[in-house]
Amino acid sequence: MYKLLVLTNPETAHGFRLAGVEVHEAASSDEARKKLGDFLNDDRSGIIAIDEDLMAHIGERLKNKIDRIYRPIVVPIPAKKKIIIGEERAEYIRSLIRRAVGFDIKLGG
């Protein structure tokens, strides 16, 4: 059976733990890069949800690997500090969906 893993910063880790998810903390981008690399090579990983701020600093090598593999699926978690309204919000959500499923979906309003 595949696992759902969450890789996030120490501040938001507690909320995911309360939801019963297996959480791994990364206090720095270097730590996140190492842990994400380990998760990508673990045959038990099914879905990896990673904090968007950490994802932004994982490096091109890991990003290319994520684009090439079919499993695990890596899904960025929006950063808590992002408060987006109006058209920017719709575009932001579209970009998240496009990264997750590989299709561009237009949201109706």
N, C-alpha and C. Protein backbone atom coordinates (compact mmCIF):
# COMPACT_ATOMS: atom_id res chain seq x y z
N MET A 1 0.84 -1.17 0.00
CA MET A 1 0.00 0.00 0.00
C MET A 1 0.89 1.24 0.00
N TYR A 2 0.50 2.22 -0.79
CA TYR A 2 1.26 3.46 -0.88
C TYR A 2 0.89 4.42 0.25
N LYS A 3 1.85 5.28 0.59
CA LYS A 3 1.66 6.21 1.69
C LYS A 3 1.44 7.63 1.18
N LEU A 4 0.67 8.39 1.96
CA LEU A 4 0.55 9.83 1.78
C LEU A 4 1.50 10.48 2.76
N LEU A 5 2.41 11.30 2.25
CA LEU A 5 3.38 11.98 3.10
C LEU A 5 3.22 13.49 2.94
N VAL A 6 3.42 14.20 4.02
CA VAL A 6 3.41 15.65 3.97
C VAL A 6 4.78 16.14 4.41
N LEU A 7 5.39 17.00 3.60
CA LEU A 7 6.67 17.61 3.93
C LEU A 7 6.43 19.11 4.05
N THR A 8 6.58 19.62 5.26
CA THR A 8 6.24 21.02 5.51
C THR A 8 7.16 21.61 6.56
N ASN A 9 6.97 22.88 6.82
CA ASN A 9 7.77 23.56 7.83
C ASN A 9 7.25 23.22 9.23
N PRO A 10 8.06 23.42 10.25
CA PRO A 10 7.64 23.06 11.62
C PRO A 10 6.38 23.79 12.10
N GLU A 11 6.13 24.98 11.58
CA GLU A 11 4.97 25.76 12.05
C GLU A 11 3.64 25.15 11.62
N THR A 12 3.58 24.55 10.46
CA THR A 12 2.30 24.00 9.99
C THR A 12 2.19 22.49 10.15
N ALA A 13 3.25 21.85 10.61
CA ALA A 13 3.26 20.40 10.75
C ALA A 13 2.20 19.89 11.72
N HIS A 14 1.97 20.62 12.80
CA HIS A 14 1.02 20.16 13.82
C HIS A 14 -0.40 20.01 13.27
N GLY A 15 -0.81 20.93 12.41
CA GLY A 15 -2.15 20.85 11.84
C GLY A 15 -2.34 19.60 11.00
N PHE A 16 -1.33 19.24 10.23
CA PHE A 16 -1.42 18.01 9.43
C PHE A 16 -1.40 16.78 10.31
N ARG A 17 -0.65 16.82 11.38
CA ARG A 17 -0.63 15.68 12.31
C ARG A 17 -2.00 15.47 12.94
N LEU A 18 -2.68 16.57 13.25
CA LEU A 18 -4.02 16.47 13.82
C LEU A 18 -4.98 15.79 12.84
N ALA A 19 -4.69 15.93 11.57
CA ALA A 19 -5.53 15.29 10.55
C ALA A 19 -5.16 13.82 10.35
N GLY A 20 -4.13 13.36 11.04
CA GLY A 20 -3.75 11.96 10.97
C GLY A 20 -2.82 11.60 9.82
N VAL A 21 -2.18 12.59 9.24
CA VAL A 21 -1.29 12.36 8.11
C VAL A 21 0.14 12.16 8.60
N GLU A 22 0.91 11.35 7.88
CA GLU A 22 2.32 11.18 8.20
C GLU A 22 3.07 12.44 7.78
N VAL A 23 3.60 13.16 8.75
CA VAL A 23 4.22 14.46 8.51
C VAL A 23 5.72 14.39 8.76
N HIS A 24 6.46 15.05 7.87
CA HIS A 24 7.90 15.21 8.03
C HIS A 24 8.20 16.69 7.95
N GLU A 25 8.97 17.16 8.89
CA GLU A 25 9.30 18.59 8.96
C GLU A 25 10.64 18.86 8.30
N ALA A 26 10.72 20.05 7.69
CA ALA A 26 11.98 20.52 7.12
C ALA A 26 12.11 21.99 7.49
N ALA A 27 13.14 22.30 8.25
CA ALA A 27 13.35 23.68 8.69
C ALA A 27 14.10 24.50 7.66
N SER A 28 14.70 23.85 6.66
CA SER A 28 15.46 24.56 5.64
C SER A 28 15.23 23.92 4.28
N SER A 29 15.58 24.64 3.23
CA SER A 29 15.41 24.09 1.88
C SER A 29 16.37 22.92 1.64
N ASP A 30 17.55 22.95 2.25
CA ASP A 30 18.48 21.83 2.11
C ASP A 30 17.91 20.56 2.73
N GLU A 31 17.31 20.72 3.90
CA GLU A 31 16.69 19.57 4.58
C GLU A 31 15.51 19.04 3.76
N ALA A 32 14.73 19.95 3.19
CA ALA A 32 13.58 19.55 2.37
C ALA A 32 14.06 18.82 1.12
N ARG A 33 15.10 19.31 0.50
CA ARG A 33 15.64 18.68 -0.71
C ARG A 33 16.07 17.24 -0.43
N LYS A 34 16.76 17.03 0.68
CA LYS A 34 17.23 15.68 1.05
C LYS A 34 16.05 14.75 1.33
N LYS A 35 15.10 15.23 2.14
CA LYS A 35 13.95 14.39 2.49
C LYS A 35 13.10 14.08 1.26
N LEU A 36 12.89 15.06 0.41
CA LEU A 36 12.09 14.83 -0.79
C LEU A 36 12.78 13.81 -1.69
N GLY A 37 14.09 13.91 -1.84
CA GLY A 37 14.83 12.93 -2.62
C GLY A 37 14.67 11.53 -2.07
N ASP A 38 14.72 11.40 -0.75
CA ASP A 38 14.52 10.09 -0.12
C ASP A 38 13.11 9.56 -0.39
N PHE A 39 12.10 10.44 -0.29
CA PHE A 39 10.72 10.02 -0.52
C PHE A 39 10.51 9.59 -1.97
N LEU A 40 11.13 10.30 -2.90
CA LEU A 40 10.98 9.96 -4.32
C LEU A 40 11.56 8.59 -4.63
N ASN A 41 12.56 8.18 -3.88
CA ASN A 41 13.21 6.89 -4.10
C ASN A 41 12.59 5.76 -3.27
N ASP A 42 11.62 6.08 -2.44
CA ASP A 42 10.97 5.08 -1.59
C ASP A 42 9.77 4.50 -2.34
N ASP A 43 9.79 3.21 -2.59
CA ASP A 43 8.71 2.55 -3.34
C ASP A 43 7.36 2.61 -2.63
N ARG A 44 7.35 2.93 -1.36
CA ARG A 44 6.08 3.00 -0.61
C ARG A 44 5.40 4.36 -0.73
N SER A 45 6.10 5.37 -1.26
CA SER A 45 5.52 6.71 -1.40
C SER A 45 4.51 6.73 -2.54
N GLY A 46 3.31 7.23 -2.26
CA GLY A 46 2.26 7.34 -3.27
C GLY A 46 2.00 8.78 -3.64
N ILE A 47 1.76 9.59 -2.62
CA ILE A 47 1.53 11.02 -2.81
C ILE A 47 2.39 11.76 -1.81
N ILE A 48 3.08 12.77 -2.29
CA ILE A 48 3.90 13.63 -1.43
C ILE A 48 3.34 15.04 -1.55
N ALA A 49 2.81 15.56 -0.47
CA ALA A 49 2.36 16.94 -0.43
C ALA A 49 3.47 17.75 0.22
N ILE A 50 3.94 18.78 -0.48
CA ILE A 50 5.06 19.56 0.02
C ILE A 50 4.70 21.04 0.04
N ASP A 51 5.12 21.70 1.09
CA ASP A 51 4.91 23.13 1.23
C ASP A 51 5.47 23.84 0.01
N GLU A 52 4.66 24.71 -0.57
CA GLU A 52 5.03 25.41 -1.80
C GLU A 52 6.32 26.22 -1.66
N ASP A 53 6.56 26.80 -0.50
CA ASP A 53 7.79 27.56 -0.30
C ASP A 53 9.01 26.64 -0.32
N LEU A 54 8.89 25.45 0.25
CA LEU A 54 9.98 24.48 0.20
C LEU A 54 10.17 23.96 -1.23
N MET A 55 9.07 23.73 -1.92
CA MET A 55 9.13 23.23 -3.29
C MET A 55 9.86 24.19 -4.21
N ALA A 56 9.73 25.47 -3.95
CA ALA A 56 10.37 26.48 -4.80
C ALA A 56 11.89 26.41 -4.74
N HIS A 57 12.44 25.76 -3.74
CA HIS A 57 13.90 25.73 -3.55
C HIS A 57 14.50 24.33 -3.62
N ILE A 58 13.81 23.39 -4.27
CA ILE A 58 14.35 22.02 -4.29
C ILE A 58 15.40 21.80 -5.37
N GLY A 59 15.48 22.69 -6.32
CA GLY A 59 16.49 22.57 -7.37
C GLY A 59 15.94 21.93 -8.63
N GLU A 60 16.60 22.23 -9.74
CA GLU A 60 16.15 21.74 -11.05
C GLU A 60 16.24 20.22 -11.19
N ARG A 61 17.26 19.64 -10.58
CA ARG A 61 17.43 18.19 -10.70
C ARG A 61 16.23 17.42 -10.16
N LEU A 62 15.79 17.80 -8.94
CA LEU A 62 14.62 17.13 -8.36
C LEU A 62 13.34 17.48 -9.13
N LYS A 63 13.21 18.73 -9.56
CA LYS A 63 12.02 19.12 -10.34
C LYS A 63 11.93 18.30 -11.62
N ASN A 64 13.05 18.10 -12.29
CA ASN A 64 13.06 17.29 -13.50
C ASN A 64 12.68 15.84 -13.21
N LYS A 65 13.18 15.32 -12.10
CA LYS A 65 12.84 13.95 -11.73
C LYS A 65 11.34 13.81 -11.47
N ILE A 66 10.78 14.79 -10.76
CA ILE A 66 9.33 14.78 -10.47
C ILE A 66 8.53 14.80 -11.77
N ASP A 67 8.98 15.57 -12.75
CA ASP A 67 8.28 15.65 -14.04
C ASP A 67 8.37 14.34 -14.83
N ARG A 68 9.42 13.56 -14.62
CA ARG A 68 9.63 12.33 -15.38
C ARG A 68 8.93 11.11 -14.80
N ILE A 69 8.70 11.07 -13.51
CA ILE A 69 8.15 9.87 -12.88
C ILE A 69 6.63 9.94 -12.79
N TYR A 70 6.02 8.77 -12.73
CA TYR A 70 4.55 8.75 -12.60
C TYR A 70 4.12 8.54 -11.15
N ARG A 71 5.01 8.02 -10.31
CA ARG A 71 4.73 7.84 -8.90
C ARG A 71 6.01 7.95 -8.13
N PRO A 72 6.01 8.63 -7.05
CA PRO A 72 4.87 9.26 -6.38
C PRO A 72 4.45 10.56 -7.05
N ILE A 73 3.22 10.93 -6.79
CA ILE A 73 2.71 12.21 -7.25
C ILE A 73 3.12 13.26 -6.23
N VAL A 74 3.68 14.35 -6.69
CA VAL A 74 4.12 15.43 -5.80
C VAL A 74 3.17 16.61 -6.00
N VAL A 75 2.54 17.02 -4.91
CA VAL A 75 1.55 18.09 -4.95
C VAL A 75 1.99 19.22 -4.02
N PRO A 76 2.16 20.43 -4.54
CA PRO A 76 2.52 21.54 -3.66
C PRO A 76 1.32 22.00 -2.82
N ILE A 77 1.60 22.31 -1.58
CA ILE A 77 0.59 22.85 -0.67
C ILE A 77 0.75 24.36 -0.66
N PRO A 78 -0.31 25.11 -0.93
CA PRO A 78 -0.17 26.57 -0.93
C PRO A 78 0.36 27.09 0.40
N ALA A 79 1.22 28.08 0.32
CA ALA A 79 1.81 28.67 1.51
C ALA A 79 0.75 29.45 2.27
N LYS A 80 0.83 29.38 3.59
CA LYS A 80 -0.20 30.02 4.42
C LYS A 80 -0.20 31.53 4.29
N LYS A 81 0.92 32.12 3.90
CA LYS A 81 0.98 33.58 3.83
C LYS A 81 0.39 34.15 2.55
N LYS A 82 0.07 33.29 1.60
CA LYS A 82 -0.48 33.77 0.34
C LYS A 82 -1.97 34.04 0.49
N ILE A 83 -2.34 35.27 0.38
CA ILE A 83 -3.74 35.65 0.36
C ILE A 83 -3.98 36.31 -0.98
N ILE A 84 -4.70 35.60 -1.83
CA ILE A 84 -4.89 36.04 -3.20
C ILE A 84 -6.37 36.25 -3.44
N ILE A 85 -6.71 37.34 -4.14
CA ILE A 85 -8.12 37.63 -4.39
C ILE A 85 -8.35 37.81 -5.89
N GLY A 86 -9.60 37.69 -6.28
CA GLY A 86 -10.01 37.97 -7.65
C GLY A 86 -9.38 37.08 -8.69
N GLU A 87 -9.03 37.71 -9.83
CA GLU A 87 -8.46 36.97 -10.97
C GLU A 87 -7.15 36.29 -10.61
N GLU A 88 -6.36 36.93 -9.76
CA GLU A 88 -5.09 36.30 -9.35
C GLU A 88 -5.36 34.97 -8.66
N ARG A 89 -6.39 34.93 -7.85
CA ARG A 89 -6.72 33.70 -7.14
C ARG A 89 -7.12 32.60 -8.12
N ALA A 90 -7.95 32.93 -9.08
CA ALA A 90 -8.38 31.95 -10.07
C ALA A 90 -7.17 31.43 -10.86
N GLU A 91 -6.28 32.30 -11.25
CA GLU A 91 -5.08 31.88 -11.98
C GLU A 91 -4.19 31.02 -11.09
N TYR A 92 -4.08 31.37 -9.83
CA TYR A 92 -3.27 30.59 -8.89
C TYR A 92 -3.84 29.17 -8.75
N ILE A 93 -5.13 29.06 -8.59
CA ILE A 93 -5.78 27.75 -8.46
C ILE A 93 -5.61 26.96 -9.76
N ARG A 94 -5.76 27.62 -10.90
CA ARG A 94 -5.54 26.95 -12.18
C ARG A 94 -4.13 26.39 -12.27
N SER A 95 -3.15 27.16 -11.81
CA SER A 95 -1.76 26.69 -11.90
C SER A 95 -1.54 25.49 -10.98
N LEU A 96 -2.18 25.47 -9.81
CA LEU A 96 -2.08 24.32 -8.92
C LEU A 96 -2.68 23.07 -9.56
N ILE A 97 -3.84 23.23 -10.17
CA ILE A 97 -4.50 22.10 -10.82
C ILE A 97 -3.67 21.62 -12.00
N ARG A 98 -3.15 22.55 -12.78
CA ARG A 98 -2.34 22.19 -13.94
C ARG A 98 -1.12 21.38 -13.53
N ARG A 99 -0.47 21.79 -12.43
CA ARG A 99 0.69 21.04 -11.94
C ARG A 99 0.29 19.68 -11.42
N ALA A 100 -0.87 19.59 -10.77
CA ALA A 100 -1.28 18.32 -10.15
C ALA A 100 -1.79 17.30 -11.16
N VAL A 101 -2.59 17.74 -12.14
CA VAL A 101 -3.21 16.79 -13.05
C VAL A 101 -2.67 16.85 -14.47
N GLY A 102 -1.91 17.88 -14.79
CA GLY A 102 -1.32 17.98 -16.11
C GLY A 102 -2.22 18.59 -17.16
N PHE A 103 -3.35 19.15 -16.78
CA PHE A 103 -4.26 19.77 -17.73
C PHE A 103 -4.57 21.19 -17.28
N ASP A 104 -4.81 22.05 -18.24
CA ASP A 104 -5.22 23.42 -17.93
C ASP A 104 -6.73 23.46 -17.89
N ILE A 105 -7.27 23.82 -16.73
CA ILE A 105 -8.72 23.84 -16.54
C ILE A 105 -9.16 25.27 -16.29
N LYS A 106 -10.13 25.73 -17.04
CA LYS A 106 -10.66 27.07 -16.84
C LYS A 106 -11.79 27.00 -15.82
N LEU A 107 -11.67 27.82 -14.78
CA LEU A 107 -12.69 27.84 -13.73
C LEU A 107 -13.76 28.84 -14.10
N GLY A 108 -15.01 28.42 -14.01
CA GLY A 108 -16.12 29.32 -14.29
C GLY A 108 -16.50 30.10 -13.05
N GLY A 109 -17.07 31.23 -13.23
CA GLY A 109 -17.40 32.03 -12.05
C GLY A 109 -18.75 32.60 -12.06
